[in-house]
């Protein structure tokens, strides 16, 4: 086992309700893009960040119902 991996707890685990087991969530950001000299438009792009609820593991220990 490497240093970055932590042992999974024994017993049933619940999939993280925030990230759905993907370990990351999208954080939308609004960017202004100038398409031409006359038109300035905004577009939303997503940046990925680690899920704050599960800490990037993708699961929650034990059986937990979504709140």
N, C-alpha and C. Protein backbone atom coordinates (compact mmCIF):
# COMPACT_ATOMS: atom_id res chain seq x y z
N UNK A 1 0.84 -1.17 0.00
CA UNK A 1 0.00 0.00 0.00
C UNK A 1 0.89 1.24 0.00
N UNK A 2 0.58 2.21 -0.87
CA UNK A 2 1.42 3.41 -0.96
C UNK A 2 1.06 4.38 0.15
N UNK A 3 1.86 5.44 0.26
CA UNK A 3 1.64 6.42 1.32
C UNK A 3 0.35 7.20 1.11
N UNK A 4 -0.06 7.42 -0.15
CA UNK A 4 -1.24 8.23 -0.44
C UNK A 4 -2.53 7.47 -0.19
N UNK A 5 -2.51 6.17 -0.28
CA UNK A 5 -3.71 5.39 -0.08
C UNK A 5 -3.92 5.13 1.40
N UNK A 6 -5.15 5.24 1.84
CA UNK A 6 -5.46 4.90 3.22
C UNK A 6 -6.32 3.65 3.21
N UNK A 7 -6.20 2.84 4.21
CA UNK A 7 -6.98 1.60 4.21
C UNK A 7 -8.48 1.89 4.30
N UNK A 8 -9.26 1.15 3.52
CA UNK A 8 -10.71 1.30 3.57
C UNK A 8 -11.24 0.61 4.81
N UNK A 9 -12.23 1.23 5.44
CA UNK A 9 -12.81 0.58 6.61
C UNK A 9 -13.56 -0.68 6.22
N UNK A 10 -13.55 -1.64 7.08
CA UNK A 10 -14.29 -2.87 6.80
C UNK A 10 -15.78 -2.61 6.96
N UNK A 11 -16.56 -3.40 6.29
CA UNK A 11 -18.01 -3.22 6.38
C UNK A 11 -18.54 -2.45 5.19
N UNK A 12 -19.82 -2.21 5.15
CA UNK A 12 -20.40 -1.51 4.00
C UNK A 12 -20.05 -0.02 3.99
N UNK A 13 -19.87 0.51 2.81
CA UNK A 13 -19.59 1.93 2.63
C UNK A 13 -20.68 2.53 1.75
N UNK A 14 -20.91 3.81 1.86
CA UNK A 14 -21.89 4.52 1.04
C UNK A 14 -21.16 5.35 0.00
N UNK A 15 -21.70 5.39 -1.21
CA UNK A 15 -21.15 6.26 -2.25
C UNK A 15 -21.38 7.70 -1.81
N UNK A 16 -20.40 8.56 -2.02
CA UNK A 16 -20.51 9.96 -1.62
C UNK A 16 -21.68 10.61 -2.35
N UNK A 17 -22.52 11.32 -1.61
CA UNK A 17 -23.71 11.93 -2.19
C UNK A 17 -23.38 13.20 -2.96
N UNK A 18 -22.28 13.84 -2.64
CA UNK A 18 -21.93 15.09 -3.30
C UNK A 18 -21.30 14.86 -4.67
N UNK A 19 -20.34 13.96 -4.76
CA UNK A 19 -19.64 13.73 -6.03
C UNK A 19 -20.11 12.49 -6.76
N UNK A 20 -20.93 11.67 -6.14
CA UNK A 20 -21.43 10.47 -6.80
C UNK A 20 -20.35 9.42 -7.03
N UNK A 21 -19.29 9.46 -6.24
CA UNK A 21 -18.21 8.49 -6.36
C UNK A 21 -17.13 8.90 -7.35
N UNK A 22 -17.26 10.07 -7.98
CA UNK A 22 -16.27 10.52 -8.97
C UNK A 22 -15.04 11.16 -8.32
N UNK A 23 -15.08 11.43 -7.04
CA UNK A 23 -13.98 11.98 -6.24
C UNK A 23 -13.71 13.45 -6.49
N UNK A 24 -14.34 14.06 -7.48
CA UNK A 24 -14.16 15.48 -7.78
C UNK A 24 -15.50 16.10 -8.13
N UNK A 25 -15.63 17.41 -7.90
CA UNK A 25 -16.83 18.12 -8.29
C UNK A 25 -16.43 19.31 -9.17
N UNK A 26 -17.35 19.75 -9.99
CA UNK A 26 -17.08 20.87 -10.89
C UNK A 26 -17.36 22.18 -10.17
N UNK A 27 -16.46 23.11 -10.30
CA UNK A 27 -16.64 24.46 -9.76
C UNK A 27 -16.75 25.40 -10.95
N UNK A 28 -17.98 25.84 -11.30
CA UNK A 28 -18.13 26.69 -12.49
C UNK A 28 -17.51 28.07 -12.30
N UNK A 29 -16.90 28.55 -13.35
CA UNK A 29 -16.29 29.88 -13.36
C UNK A 29 -16.80 30.61 -14.59
N UNK A 30 -17.04 31.91 -14.47
CA UNK A 30 -17.51 32.72 -15.59
C UNK A 30 -16.33 33.47 -16.17
N UNK A 31 -16.14 33.33 -17.47
CA UNK A 31 -15.05 34.00 -18.17
C UNK A 31 -15.64 34.92 -19.22
N UNK A 32 -15.08 36.08 -19.40
CA UNK A 32 -15.49 37.00 -20.46
C UNK A 32 -14.57 36.78 -21.65
N UNK A 33 -15.18 36.52 -22.79
CA UNK A 33 -14.42 36.24 -24.00
C UNK A 33 -14.82 37.27 -25.06
N UNK A 34 -13.86 37.90 -25.68
CA UNK A 34 -14.17 38.85 -26.73
C UNK A 34 -14.06 38.13 -28.07
N UNK A 35 -15.24 37.87 -28.68
CA UNK A 35 -15.28 37.14 -29.94
C UNK A 35 -14.87 38.02 -31.11
N UNK A 36 -15.37 39.24 -31.14
CA UNK A 36 -14.99 40.21 -32.17
C UNK A 36 -14.73 41.54 -31.47
N UNK A 37 -14.44 42.55 -32.25
CA UNK A 37 -14.21 43.87 -31.66
C UNK A 37 -15.51 44.50 -31.19
N UNK A 38 -16.66 44.04 -31.71
CA UNK A 38 -17.96 44.61 -31.34
C UNK A 38 -18.66 43.82 -30.24
N UNK A 39 -18.38 42.55 -30.13
CA UNK A 39 -19.15 41.68 -29.25
C UNK A 39 -18.26 41.12 -28.15
N UNK A 40 -18.68 41.29 -26.92
CA UNK A 40 -18.04 40.64 -25.77
C UNK A 40 -19.08 39.74 -25.14
N UNK A 41 -18.77 38.49 -24.98
CA UNK A 41 -19.73 37.54 -24.43
C UNK A 41 -19.10 36.79 -23.26
N UNK A 42 -19.93 36.22 -22.43
CA UNK A 42 -19.44 35.43 -21.30
C UNK A 42 -19.70 33.97 -21.52
N UNK A 43 -18.86 33.14 -21.00
CA UNK A 43 -19.07 31.70 -21.09
C UNK A 43 -18.66 31.06 -19.77
N UNK A 44 -19.33 29.97 -19.45
CA UNK A 44 -19.06 29.28 -18.20
C UNK A 44 -18.22 28.04 -18.48
N UNK A 45 -17.12 27.91 -17.79
CA UNK A 45 -16.26 26.74 -17.88
C UNK A 45 -16.17 26.11 -16.50
N UNK A 46 -16.02 24.82 -16.45
CA UNK A 46 -15.94 24.12 -15.17
C UNK A 46 -14.49 23.76 -14.86
N UNK A 47 -14.11 24.00 -13.64
CA UNK A 47 -12.80 23.58 -13.14
C UNK A 47 -13.05 22.50 -12.10
N UNK A 48 -12.27 21.45 -12.11
CA UNK A 48 -12.47 20.34 -11.17
C UNK A 48 -11.71 20.60 -9.89
N UNK A 49 -12.37 20.27 -8.76
CA UNK A 49 -11.70 20.34 -7.46
C UNK A 49 -12.09 19.11 -6.65
N UNK A 50 -11.31 18.81 -5.65
CA UNK A 50 -11.54 17.63 -4.82
C UNK A 50 -12.83 17.80 -4.02
N UNK A 51 -13.59 16.74 -3.91
CA UNK A 51 -14.86 16.76 -3.20
C UNK A 51 -14.62 17.06 -1.71
N UNK A 52 -15.30 18.08 -1.15
CA UNK A 52 -15.06 18.41 0.25
C UNK A 52 -15.72 17.44 1.23
N UNK A 53 -16.76 16.74 0.80
CA UNK A 53 -17.46 15.86 1.74
C UNK A 53 -16.70 14.56 1.98
N UNK A 54 -16.19 13.94 0.92
CA UNK A 54 -15.50 12.65 1.10
C UNK A 54 -13.98 12.80 1.09
N UNK A 55 -13.49 14.00 0.83
CA UNK A 55 -12.04 14.21 0.81
C UNK A 55 -11.35 13.56 -0.37
N UNK A 56 -12.06 13.32 -1.47
CA UNK A 56 -11.48 12.73 -2.66
C UNK A 56 -11.44 11.21 -2.65
N UNK A 57 -12.13 10.58 -1.71
CA UNK A 57 -12.15 9.12 -1.66
C UNK A 57 -13.25 8.53 -2.53
N UNK A 58 -14.38 9.24 -2.67
CA UNK A 58 -15.49 8.73 -3.47
C UNK A 58 -16.50 7.92 -2.68
N UNK A 59 -16.23 7.68 -1.41
CA UNK A 59 -17.16 6.93 -0.57
C UNK A 59 -17.18 7.53 0.82
N UNK A 60 -18.21 7.22 1.55
CA UNK A 60 -18.33 7.62 2.95
C UNK A 60 -18.37 6.36 3.80
N UNK A 61 -17.69 6.32 4.92
CA UNK A 61 -17.67 5.10 5.73
C UNK A 61 -19.04 4.82 6.33
N UNK A 62 -19.43 3.57 6.32
CA UNK A 62 -20.70 3.15 6.90
C UNK A 62 -21.86 3.42 5.96
N UNK A 63 -23.04 3.12 6.41
CA UNK A 63 -24.25 3.38 5.63
C UNK A 63 -24.80 4.72 6.04
N UNK A 64 -24.87 5.64 5.11
CA UNK A 64 -25.36 6.98 5.39
C UNK A 64 -26.42 7.34 4.36
N UNK A 65 -27.57 7.72 4.87
CA UNK A 65 -28.65 8.14 3.96
C UNK A 65 -28.40 9.58 3.51
N UNK A 66 -28.79 9.92 2.26
CA UNK A 66 -28.61 11.30 1.83
C UNK A 66 -29.49 12.26 2.64
N UNK A 67 -28.96 13.39 2.99
CA UNK A 67 -29.72 14.36 3.80
C UNK A 67 -30.32 15.43 2.92
